Amino acid sequence: MAEENTPVEKQFAIQKIYTKDISFETPNSPKIFTQTWEPQVDFNLATNVSGLEEALFEVSLTITATVKCGETVAYLAEVSQAGIFVLGGFSEQEMGHMVGSFCPNILFPYAREVISDLVSKGGFPQLLLAPINFDALYAQHLQQAQQAPGTDSIN
């Protein structure tokens, strides 16, 4: 007979990593290619978590990069990179960290590569996104959630 106080073993595994959605727009081409290339990059990041079944979760990381030359939009690149992860035996606090920081950190290099490929294939100079500190972003999210109760999404 197993003891009731036996600690639950923590489980983490990557089941699948995949690109869920891709969008690339060049609303001002071909005219944009004749302008001096002095890009201004606006970068947005969001995460989403969905429970699939017991201990199985989909975590998606969406990155949107809008690049302008002056007031003219050169391109908009967006990718939603997702993964299916086995997460079991974690406390509620640990689960928040796993889906809000650890899993997005795994997905980021894949999303960064897709964005870079899209931009290059669109005829623009390569866009290399700098590494992101997901631990700091998650800590900031927790701090904001404490200041504004009722928010429970990780964005």
N, C-alpha and C. Protein backbone atom coordinates (compact mmCIF):
# COMPACT_ATOMS: atom_id res chain seq x y z
N MET A 1 0.84 -1.18 0.00
CA MET A 1 0.00 0.00 0.00
C MET A 1 0.89 1.25 0.00
N ALA A 2 0.66 2.15 -0.92
CA ALA A 2 1.46 3.36 -1.04
C ALA A 2 1.08 4.36 0.03
N GLU A 3 2.07 5.07 0.52
CA GLU A 3 1.80 6.10 1.52
C GLU A 3 1.14 7.31 0.86
N GLU A 4 0.20 7.93 1.54
CA GLU A 4 -0.51 9.08 1.01
C GLU A 4 0.38 10.33 0.97
N ASN A 5 1.40 10.40 1.79
CA ASN A 5 2.26 11.56 1.84
C ASN A 5 3.49 11.45 0.94
N THR A 6 3.51 10.44 0.08
CA THR A 6 4.62 10.28 -0.84
C THR A 6 4.65 11.46 -1.80
N PRO A 7 5.80 12.12 -1.93
CA PRO A 7 5.85 13.27 -2.84
C PRO A 7 5.59 12.83 -4.28
N VAL A 8 4.88 13.67 -5.00
CA VAL A 8 4.57 13.40 -6.39
C VAL A 8 5.79 13.75 -7.23
N GLU A 9 6.19 12.84 -8.10
CA GLU A 9 7.35 13.09 -8.95
C GLU A 9 6.99 14.12 -10.01
N LYS A 10 7.87 15.08 -10.20
CA LYS A 10 7.65 16.11 -11.21
C LYS A 10 7.98 15.54 -12.57
N GLN A 11 7.11 15.88 -13.54
CA GLN A 11 7.30 15.41 -14.91
C GLN A 11 7.32 16.59 -15.86
N PHE A 12 8.31 16.59 -16.74
CA PHE A 12 8.36 17.58 -17.81
C PHE A 12 8.86 16.88 -19.05
N ALA A 13 8.13 17.07 -20.15
CA ALA A 13 8.57 16.53 -21.43
C ALA A 13 7.99 17.38 -22.55
N ILE A 14 8.76 17.49 -23.61
CA ILE A 14 8.28 18.17 -24.81
C ILE A 14 7.68 17.10 -25.72
N GLN A 15 6.41 17.24 -26.04
CA GLN A 15 5.75 16.29 -26.94
C GLN A 15 5.89 16.71 -28.40
N LYS A 16 5.75 18.01 -28.65
CA LYS A 16 5.82 18.51 -30.03
C LYS A 16 6.03 20.01 -29.99
N ILE A 17 6.81 20.50 -30.96
CA ILE A 17 6.98 21.94 -31.17
C ILE A 17 6.61 22.20 -32.62
N TYR A 18 5.77 23.22 -32.83
CA TYR A 18 5.25 23.48 -34.19
C TYR A 18 4.90 24.95 -34.36
N THR A 19 4.90 25.37 -35.62
CA THR A 19 4.46 26.71 -35.96
C THR A 19 2.95 26.66 -36.13
N LYS A 20 2.24 27.43 -35.32
CA LYS A 20 0.77 27.41 -35.33
C LYS A 20 0.19 28.41 -36.32
N ASP A 21 0.85 29.56 -36.47
CA ASP A 21 0.33 30.59 -37.37
C ASP A 21 1.48 31.47 -37.83
N ILE A 22 1.43 31.86 -39.12
CA ILE A 22 2.45 32.74 -39.69
C ILE A 22 1.75 33.82 -40.51
N SER A 23 2.26 35.03 -40.41
CA SER A 23 1.76 36.12 -41.24
C SER A 23 2.92 37.04 -41.61
N PHE A 24 2.97 37.40 -42.88
CA PHE A 24 3.98 38.35 -43.34
C PHE A 24 3.32 39.26 -44.35
N GLU A 25 3.40 40.57 -44.11
CA GLU A 25 2.77 41.55 -44.99
C GLU A 25 3.78 42.64 -45.34
N THR A 26 3.78 43.02 -46.61
CA THR A 26 4.58 44.16 -47.07
C THR A 26 3.61 45.12 -47.78
N PRO A 27 2.87 45.90 -47.01
CA PRO A 27 1.80 46.71 -47.58
C PRO A 27 2.27 47.81 -48.53
N ASN A 28 3.53 48.18 -48.47
CA ASN A 28 4.02 49.28 -49.31
C ASN A 28 5.10 48.83 -50.29
N SER A 29 5.06 47.56 -50.67
CA SER A 29 6.02 47.11 -51.68
C SER A 29 5.38 47.30 -53.06
N PRO A 30 6.13 47.55 -54.06
CA PRO A 30 7.58 47.58 -54.13
C PRO A 30 8.19 48.94 -53.77
N LYS A 31 7.36 49.96 -53.54
CA LYS A 31 7.87 51.31 -53.27
C LYS A 31 8.86 51.34 -52.10
N ILE A 32 8.61 50.52 -51.08
CA ILE A 32 9.46 50.54 -49.88
C ILE A 32 10.91 50.18 -50.21
N PHE A 33 11.10 49.38 -51.27
CA PHE A 33 12.46 48.96 -51.63
C PHE A 33 13.28 50.07 -52.27
N THR A 34 12.64 51.17 -52.64
CA THR A 34 13.35 52.29 -53.24
C THR A 34 13.74 53.35 -52.22
N GLN A 35 13.27 53.18 -50.97
CA GLN A 35 13.56 54.15 -49.92
C GLN A 35 14.85 53.80 -49.19
N THR A 36 15.43 54.79 -48.54
CA THR A 36 16.61 54.56 -47.72
C THR A 36 16.19 53.68 -46.54
N TRP A 37 16.98 52.66 -46.28
CA TRP A 37 16.63 51.69 -45.23
C TRP A 37 17.12 52.17 -43.87
N GLU A 38 16.20 52.78 -43.12
CA GLU A 38 16.46 53.23 -41.75
C GLU A 38 15.30 52.73 -40.90
N PRO A 39 15.33 51.44 -40.56
CA PRO A 39 14.17 50.81 -39.92
C PRO A 39 13.99 51.19 -38.45
N GLN A 40 12.72 51.25 -38.07
CA GLN A 40 12.33 51.38 -36.66
C GLN A 40 11.46 50.17 -36.37
N VAL A 41 11.86 49.39 -35.38
CA VAL A 41 11.19 48.13 -35.08
C VAL A 41 10.30 48.27 -33.85
N ASP A 42 9.06 47.85 -34.01
CA ASP A 42 8.13 47.74 -32.88
C ASP A 42 7.88 46.25 -32.68
N PHE A 43 8.08 45.80 -31.46
CA PHE A 43 8.10 44.37 -31.16
C PHE A 43 7.08 44.08 -30.07
N ASN A 44 6.20 43.10 -30.30
CA ASN A 44 5.21 42.69 -29.29
C ASN A 44 5.31 41.20 -29.06
N LEU A 45 5.01 40.80 -27.84
CA LEU A 45 5.14 39.42 -27.42
C LEU A 45 3.94 39.04 -26.58
N ALA A 46 3.40 37.83 -26.80
CA ALA A 46 2.28 37.35 -25.99
C ALA A 46 2.39 35.83 -25.85
N THR A 47 1.89 35.31 -24.73
CA THR A 47 1.83 33.87 -24.54
C THR A 47 0.40 33.46 -24.24
N ASN A 48 0.12 32.22 -24.56
CA ASN A 48 -1.20 31.66 -24.28
C ASN A 48 -1.00 30.21 -23.84
N VAL A 49 -1.81 29.78 -22.87
CA VAL A 49 -1.72 28.42 -22.36
C VAL A 49 -3.09 27.78 -22.42
N SER A 50 -3.13 26.55 -22.93
CA SER A 50 -4.39 25.79 -22.98
C SER A 50 -4.13 24.40 -22.42
N GLY A 51 -5.00 23.99 -21.49
CA GLY A 51 -4.92 22.62 -20.99
C GLY A 51 -5.57 21.69 -22.00
N LEU A 52 -4.88 20.63 -22.36
CA LEU A 52 -5.40 19.68 -23.33
C LEU A 52 -6.04 18.49 -22.64
N GLU A 53 -5.35 17.93 -21.70
CA GLU A 53 -5.85 16.86 -20.85
C GLU A 53 -4.96 16.84 -19.63
N GLU A 54 -5.17 15.89 -18.74
CA GLU A 54 -4.39 15.89 -17.51
C GLU A 54 -2.89 15.88 -17.80
N ALA A 55 -2.20 16.85 -17.26
CA ALA A 55 -0.75 17.01 -17.36
C ALA A 55 -0.25 17.30 -18.78
N LEU A 56 -1.15 17.65 -19.70
CA LEU A 56 -0.76 17.95 -21.08
C LEU A 56 -1.24 19.36 -21.43
N PHE A 57 -0.31 20.22 -21.83
CA PHE A 57 -0.63 21.62 -22.08
C PHE A 57 -0.05 22.09 -23.40
N GLU A 58 -0.80 22.97 -24.08
CA GLU A 58 -0.27 23.66 -25.23
C GLU A 58 0.11 25.06 -24.76
N VAL A 59 1.35 25.44 -25.02
CA VAL A 59 1.82 26.79 -24.74
C VAL A 59 2.18 27.40 -26.08
N SER A 60 1.65 28.59 -26.35
CA SER A 60 2.00 29.27 -27.60
C SER A 60 2.62 30.63 -27.29
N LEU A 61 3.59 30.97 -28.10
CA LEU A 61 4.31 32.23 -27.99
C LEU A 61 4.10 32.97 -29.30
N THR A 62 3.49 34.16 -29.23
CA THR A 62 3.25 34.95 -30.43
C THR A 62 4.15 36.17 -30.42
N ILE A 63 4.89 36.32 -31.52
CA ILE A 63 5.79 37.46 -31.69
C ILE A 63 5.33 38.24 -32.91
N THR A 64 5.16 39.54 -32.74
CA THR A 64 4.79 40.43 -33.83
C THR A 64 5.85 41.51 -33.96
N ALA A 65 6.40 41.63 -35.16
CA ALA A 65 7.39 42.68 -35.43
C ALA A 65 6.84 43.56 -36.53
N THR A 66 6.69 44.85 -36.24
CA THR A 66 6.27 45.83 -37.23
C THR A 66 7.47 46.74 -37.48
N VAL A 67 7.88 46.80 -38.73
CA VAL A 67 9.06 47.59 -39.08
C VAL A 67 8.64 48.72 -40.01
N LYS A 68 9.02 49.94 -39.64
CA LYS A 68 8.69 51.13 -40.43
C LYS A 68 9.96 51.85 -40.85
N CYS A 69 9.86 52.54 -41.97
CA CYS A 69 10.87 53.51 -42.40
C CYS A 69 10.15 54.85 -42.38
N GLY A 70 10.48 55.65 -41.39
CA GLY A 70 9.72 56.89 -41.18
C GLY A 70 8.31 56.51 -40.77
N GLU A 71 7.33 57.01 -41.49
CA GLU A 71 5.92 56.70 -41.20
C GLU A 71 5.39 55.54 -42.06
N THR A 72 6.22 55.04 -42.96
CA THR A 72 5.80 54.01 -43.90
C THR A 72 6.10 52.62 -43.35
N VAL A 73 5.08 51.76 -43.31
CA VAL A 73 5.28 50.39 -42.86
C VAL A 73 6.03 49.62 -43.94
N ALA A 74 7.18 49.09 -43.58
CA ALA A 74 7.96 48.26 -44.51
C ALA A 74 7.38 46.85 -44.51
N TYR A 75 7.22 46.28 -43.31
CA TYR A 75 6.62 44.95 -43.21
C TYR A 75 6.11 44.69 -41.80
N LEU A 76 5.24 43.71 -41.75
CA LEU A 76 4.70 43.21 -40.49
C LEU A 76 4.91 41.70 -40.53
N ALA A 77 5.63 41.17 -39.56
CA ALA A 77 5.88 39.73 -39.47
C ALA A 77 5.34 39.24 -38.13
N GLU A 78 4.55 38.17 -38.20
CA GLU A 78 3.99 37.61 -36.96
C GLU A 78 4.06 36.10 -37.03
N VAL A 79 4.48 35.50 -35.93
CA VAL A 79 4.51 34.05 -35.84
C VAL A 79 3.97 33.63 -34.47
N SER A 80 3.20 32.57 -34.50
CA SER A 80 2.74 31.94 -33.27
C SER A 80 3.39 30.56 -33.23
N GLN A 81 4.37 30.42 -32.35
CA GLN A 81 5.10 29.17 -32.20
C GLN A 81 4.53 28.46 -30.98
N ALA A 82 4.20 27.20 -31.13
CA ALA A 82 3.54 26.48 -30.04
C ALA A 82 4.26 25.18 -29.72
N GLY A 83 3.96 24.69 -28.56
CA GLY A 83 4.49 23.41 -28.14
C GLY A 83 3.49 22.70 -27.26
N ILE A 84 3.54 21.38 -27.30
CA ILE A 84 2.73 20.56 -26.39
C ILE A 84 3.70 19.99 -25.37
N PHE A 85 3.39 20.25 -24.10
CA PHE A 85 4.29 19.88 -23.01
C PHE A 85 3.56 19.02 -21.99
N VAL A 86 4.27 18.03 -21.47
CA VAL A 86 3.78 17.24 -20.33
C VAL A 86 4.31 17.94 -19.09
N LEU A 87 3.39 18.35 -18.22
CA LEU A 87 3.75 19.03 -16.97
C LEU A 87 2.95 18.39 -15.84
N GLY A 88 3.61 17.67 -14.98
CA GLY A 88 2.90 17.01 -13.89
C GLY A 88 3.68 17.09 -12.60
N GLY A 89 2.96 17.11 -11.50
CA GLY A 89 3.58 17.08 -10.18
C GLY A 89 4.09 18.42 -9.69
N PHE A 90 3.79 19.49 -10.40
CA PHE A 90 4.25 20.82 -9.99
C PHE A 90 3.19 21.50 -9.13
N SER A 91 3.65 22.31 -8.18
CA SER A 91 2.71 23.12 -7.40
C SER A 91 2.10 24.18 -8.32
N GLU A 92 1.06 24.86 -7.85
CA GLU A 92 0.43 25.90 -8.66
C GLU A 92 1.42 27.01 -9.02
N GLN A 93 2.24 27.40 -8.05
CA GLN A 93 3.24 28.44 -8.29
C GLN A 93 4.28 27.96 -9.31
N GLU A 94 4.73 26.72 -9.17
CA GLU A 94 5.70 26.17 -10.12
C GLU A 94 5.10 26.05 -11.52
N MET A 95 3.83 25.67 -11.61
CA MET A 95 3.16 25.56 -12.91
C MET A 95 3.11 26.92 -13.60
N GLY A 96 2.82 27.97 -12.84
CA GLY A 96 2.81 29.31 -13.40
C GLY A 96 4.15 29.66 -14.02
N HIS A 97 5.22 29.34 -13.32
CA HIS A 97 6.56 29.60 -13.84
C HIS A 97 6.86 28.74 -15.06
N MET A 98 6.45 27.49 -15.03
CA MET A 98 6.72 26.58 -16.16
C MET A 98 6.05 27.08 -17.44
N VAL A 99 4.75 27.41 -17.36
CA VAL A 99 4.03 27.82 -18.58
C VAL A 99 4.24 29.29 -18.91
N GLY A 100 4.63 30.10 -17.92
CA GLY A 100 4.81 31.52 -18.16
C GLY A 100 6.22 31.93 -18.49
N SER A 101 7.20 31.06 -18.21
CA SER A 101 8.59 31.42 -18.45
C SER A 101 9.38 30.28 -19.10
N PHE A 102 9.36 29.12 -18.47
CA PHE A 102 10.20 28.01 -18.93
C PHE A 102 9.82 27.55 -20.34
N CYS A 103 8.55 27.28 -20.58
CA CYS A 103 8.11 26.82 -21.91
C CYS A 103 8.28 27.90 -22.99
N PRO A 104 7.89 29.16 -22.75
CA PRO A 104 8.15 30.19 -23.76
C PRO A 104 9.64 30.35 -24.08
N ASN A 105 10.49 30.14 -23.09
CA ASN A 105 11.93 30.21 -23.32
C ASN A 105 12.39 29.11 -24.28
N ILE A 106 11.76 27.96 -24.22
CA ILE A 106 12.07 26.87 -25.15
C ILE A 106 11.57 27.21 -26.55
N LEU A 107 10.40 27.84 -26.66
CA LEU A 107 9.79 28.15 -27.95
C LEU A 107 10.46 29.33 -28.67
N PHE A 108 11.04 30.25 -27.92
CA PHE A 108 11.56 31.48 -28.52
C PHE A 108 12.57 31.28 -29.65
N PRO A 109 13.57 30.42 -29.52
CA PRO A 109 14.52 30.26 -30.63
C PRO A 109 13.85 29.81 -31.94
N TYR A 110 12.83 28.98 -31.84
CA TYR A 110 12.10 28.54 -33.02
C TYR A 110 11.36 29.71 -33.66
N ALA A 111 10.68 30.51 -32.84
CA ALA A 111 9.95 31.67 -33.34
C ALA A 111 10.90 32.69 -33.95
N ARG A 112 12.03 32.91 -33.30
CA ARG A 112 13.03 33.86 -33.80
C ARG A 112 13.53 33.44 -35.18
N GLU A 113 13.75 32.14 -35.37
CA GLU A 113 14.21 31.63 -36.66
C GLU A 113 13.15 31.82 -37.74
N VAL A 114 11.89 31.56 -37.41
CA VAL A 114 10.80 31.72 -38.39
C VAL A 114 10.70 33.19 -38.81
N ILE A 115 10.74 34.11 -37.85
CA ILE A 115 10.68 35.54 -38.15
C ILE A 115 11.84 35.94 -39.07
N SER A 116 13.05 35.50 -38.74
CA SER A 116 14.22 35.83 -39.54
C SER A 116 14.08 35.31 -40.97
N ASP A 117 13.60 34.09 -41.12
CA ASP A 117 13.40 33.52 -42.46
C ASP A 117 12.34 34.28 -43.25
N LEU A 118 11.23 34.61 -42.59
CA LEU A 118 10.17 35.36 -43.27
C LEU A 118 10.67 36.69 -43.79
N VAL A 119 11.40 37.41 -42.96
CA VAL A 119 11.89 38.74 -43.33
C VAL A 119 12.88 38.62 -44.50
N SER A 120 13.79 37.68 -44.43
CA SER A 120 14.77 37.49 -45.50
C SER A 120 14.09 37.11 -46.81
N LYS A 121 13.13 36.20 -46.73
CA LYS A 121 12.42 35.78 -47.94
C LYS A 121 11.52 36.88 -48.48
N GLY A 122 11.19 37.84 -47.65
CA GLY A 122 10.40 38.99 -48.08
C GLY A 122 11.25 40.06 -48.76
N GLY A 123 12.56 39.83 -48.85
CA GLY A 123 13.44 40.75 -49.55
C GLY A 123 14.06 41.82 -48.69
N PHE A 124 13.96 41.68 -47.38
CA PHE A 124 14.48 42.68 -46.45
C PHE A 124 15.73 42.16 -45.76
N PRO A 125 16.56 43.07 -45.21
CA PRO A 125 17.71 42.63 -44.42
C PRO A 125 17.24 41.78 -43.24
N GLN A 126 18.05 40.82 -42.87
CA GLN A 126 17.72 39.89 -41.80
C GLN A 126 17.35 40.63 -40.51
N LEU A 127 16.32 40.16 -39.84
CA LEU A 127 15.93 40.70 -38.54
C LEU A 127 16.32 39.68 -37.48
N LEU A 128 17.28 40.04 -36.65
CA LEU A 128 17.72 39.16 -35.58
C LEU A 128 17.17 39.68 -34.26
N LEU A 129 16.27 38.93 -33.66
CA LEU A 129 15.68 39.34 -32.39
C LEU A 129 16.63 38.99 -31.25
N ALA A 130 16.82 39.92 -30.35
CA ALA A 130 17.69 39.71 -29.19
C ALA A 130 17.04 38.70 -28.25
N PRO A 131 17.86 37.99 -27.48
CA PRO A 131 17.31 37.07 -26.48
C PRO A 131 16.38 37.81 -25.52
N ILE A 132 15.43 37.07 -24.97
CA ILE A 132 14.45 37.64 -24.05
C ILE A 132 14.58 36.95 -22.70
N ASN A 133 14.52 37.72 -21.63
CA ASN A 133 14.56 37.18 -20.28
C ASN A 133 13.11 36.90 -19.84
N PHE A 134 12.65 35.67 -20.10
CA PHE A 134 11.28 35.32 -19.77
C PHE A 134 11.05 35.26 -18.27
N ASP A 135 12.09 34.97 -17.49
CA ASP A 135 11.94 34.99 -16.03
C ASP A 135 11.58 36.38 -15.56
N ALA A 136 12.26 37.40 -16.09
CA ALA A 136 11.98 38.79 -15.71
C ALA A 136 10.58 39.19 -16.17
N LEU A 137 10.19 38.80 -17.38
CA LEU A 137 8.84 39.12 -17.87
C LEU A 137 7.77 38.46 -17.01
N TYR A 138 8.00 37.22 -16.61
CA TYR A 138 7.04 36.52 -15.77
C TYR A 138 6.95 37.18 -14.40
N ALA A 139 8.08 37.56 -13.83
CA ALA A 139 8.08 38.26 -12.53
C ALA A 139 7.32 39.58 -12.63
N GLN A 140 7.51 40.29 -13.75
CA GLN A 140 6.79 41.55 -13.98
C GLN A 140 5.29 41.28 -14.09
N HIS A 141 4.92 40.21 -14.78
CA HIS A 141 3.51 39.84 -14.91
C HIS A 141 2.90 39.55 -13.53
N LEU A 142 3.62 38.82 -12.69
CA LEU A 142 3.12 38.51 -11.35
C LEU A 142 2.93 39.78 -10.53
N GLN A 143 3.88 40.70 -10.66
CA GLN A 143 3.79 41.96 -9.92
C GLN A 143 2.57 42.76 -10.38
N GLN A 144 2.34 42.82 -11.69
CA GLN A 144 1.18 43.53 -12.22
C GLN A 144 -0.12 42.86 -11.80
N ALA A 145 -0.13 41.54 -11.75
CA ALA A 145 -1.33 40.81 -11.34
C ALA A 145 -1.66 41.08 -9.87
N GLN A 146 -0.64 41.22 -9.03
CA GLN A 146 -0.85 41.53 -7.62
C GLN A 146 -1.42 42.93 -7.45
N GLN A 147 -1.01 43.86 -8.32
CA GLN A 147 -1.48 45.24 -8.24
C GLN A 147 -2.88 45.40 -8.83
N ALA A 148 -3.25 44.52 -9.76
CA ALA A 148 -4.56 44.58 -10.41
C ALA A 148 -5.22 43.20 -10.34
N PRO A 149 -5.83 42.85 -9.20
CA PRO A 149 -6.46 41.55 -9.06
C PRO A 149 -7.52 41.32 -10.14
N GLY A 150 -7.65 40.03 -10.52
CA GLY A 150 -8.65 39.68 -11.52
C GLY A 150 -8.04 39.40 -12.88
N THR A 151 -6.72 39.62 -13.03
CA THR A 151 -6.07 39.28 -14.29
C THR A 151 -5.33 37.97 -14.09
N ASP A 152 -5.58 37.01 -14.98
CA ASP A 152 -4.94 35.72 -14.82
C ASP A 152 -4.27 35.21 -16.11
N SER A 153 -4.27 36.01 -17.16
CA SER A 153 -3.59 35.57 -18.38
C SER A 153 -2.15 36.01 -18.35
N ILE A 154 -1.30 35.24 -19.02
CA ILE A 154 0.12 35.54 -19.06
C ILE A 154 0.39 36.19 -20.40
N ASN A 155 0.59 37.50 -20.42
CA ASN A 155 0.87 38.21 -21.67
C ASN A 155 2.08 39.09 -21.49
